[in-house]
Protein backbone atom coordinates (compact mmCIF):
# COMPACT_ATOMS: atom_id res chain seq x y z
CA MET A 1 28.22 168.30 145.22
CA SER A 2 24.50 168.84 145.09
CA GLU A 3 22.65 171.79 146.60
CA LEU A 4 20.58 169.31 148.64
CA PRO A 5 22.63 167.59 151.36
CA PHE A 6 22.44 163.84 151.99
CA ASP A 7 19.79 163.10 154.63
CA ILE A 8 18.23 159.77 155.60
CA VAL A 9 15.08 161.52 156.85
CA THR A 10 12.64 160.86 154.03
CA PRO A 11 9.97 163.44 153.21
CA ASN A 12 6.34 162.36 153.60
CA GLY A 13 4.92 161.05 150.36
CA TRP A 14 8.29 160.09 148.82
CA ALA A 15 7.54 156.37 148.54
CA ALA A 16 3.95 157.02 147.43
CA ALA A 17 5.25 159.18 144.57
CA LEU A 18 7.58 156.37 143.42
CA ASP A 19 4.81 153.82 143.82
CA ALA A 20 2.73 155.86 141.35
CA TRP A 21 5.39 155.64 138.62
CA PRO A 22 4.51 153.01 135.99
CA TRP A 23 6.51 149.77 135.77
CA SER A 24 8.10 148.74 132.45
CA TRP A 25 8.49 144.99 131.97
CA LEU A 26 11.79 143.57 130.77
CA LYS A 27 11.33 140.38 128.72
CA ASP A 28 13.56 137.66 127.32
CA ASP A 29 13.65 136.60 123.65
CA GLN A 30 10.56 134.43 124.15
CA GLY A 31 8.59 137.26 125.76
CA HIS A 32 8.78 135.93 129.33
CA PRO A 33 9.13 138.59 132.03
CA ILE A 34 12.64 138.69 133.52
CA GLY A 35 12.34 141.91 135.43
CA ALA A 36 10.67 145.25 135.81
CA GLU A 37 11.90 148.79 136.18
CA LYS A 38 10.64 152.30 136.73
CA ARG A 39 12.47 155.59 136.21
CA GLY A 40 11.82 159.19 137.03
CA PRO A 41 13.00 162.20 139.01
CA CYS A 42 13.54 161.58 142.71
CA PRO A 43 10.64 163.29 144.52
CA ASN A 44 13.15 164.65 147.05
CA CYS A 45 16.17 165.89 145.08
CA GLY A 46 14.72 165.96 141.55
CA HIS A 47 17.60 164.00 139.98
CA GLY A 48 16.97 160.97 137.78
CA MET A 49 16.72 157.65 139.57
CA SER A 50 15.49 154.14 138.87
CA VAL A 51 14.08 151.07 140.56
CA SER A 52 14.90 147.66 139.06
CA LEU A 53 13.62 144.21 139.99
CA GLY A 54 14.88 140.92 138.61
CA ILE A 55 12.58 137.91 138.40
CA THR A 56 14.01 134.41 138.67
CA GLU A 57 12.35 131.84 136.40
CA GLY A 58 9.95 129.62 138.29
CA ILE A 59 9.53 132.01 141.21
CA THR A 60 5.84 132.64 141.77
CA ASP A 61 5.85 134.03 145.32
CA LEU A 62 7.21 137.52 144.84
CA PRO A 63 7.16 139.82 147.85
CA SER A 64 4.37 142.37 147.80
CA HIS A 65 6.76 145.25 148.61
CA THR A 66 10.45 146.11 148.29
CA ASP A 67 12.75 148.66 149.92
CA VAL A 68 14.08 151.39 147.64
CA SER A 69 16.30 154.42 148.02
CA CYS A 70 17.35 157.33 145.85
CA ASN A 71 20.10 156.06 143.58
CA CYS A 72 20.72 159.20 141.56
CA ALA A 73 24.30 159.64 140.38
CA VAL A 74 24.68 163.05 142.05
CA LYS A 75 26.97 163.43 145.07
CA HIS A 76 24.88 164.76 147.95
CA ALA A 77 27.76 164.25 150.42
CA GLU A 78 31.44 163.49 150.08
CA GLY A 79 31.69 159.99 148.64
CA GLN A 80 27.89 159.49 148.76
CA THR A 81 25.60 159.45 145.74
CA GLY A 82 21.84 159.57 146.16
CA CYS A 83 20.08 162.00 148.49
CA GLY A 84 19.29 159.46 151.23
CA ALA A 85 15.52 159.33 150.73
CA HIS A 86 14.19 155.78 151.06
CA GLY A 87 11.01 153.82 151.54
CA GLU A 88 8.94 150.82 150.57
CA ILE A 89 6.98 150.43 147.33
CA GLY A 90 4.72 147.77 145.85
CA VAL A 91 6.08 145.03 143.58
CA PRO A 92 4.28 144.35 140.30
CA THR A 93 2.86 140.95 139.39
CA PRO A 94 4.20 139.45 136.15
């Protein structure tokens, strides 16, 4: 298990740090956007995590924000991966 225990209390600035990570666009064979992702170290536990969004063809009204949580592969509690940090970040426009 990790040295940092699982805790759903999110440190101030956690979501803002994720929001600052750049998005990478995922595209189909014709170059149309089918999703976006960002990766980096969790600002709370420091382990690698990612945020992925899928885009359905023809959808033009994407939400402006989405809920995210640490999804690192490290056990921070028995049977629980991720450190528990969570928040809301902005969604990119294709």
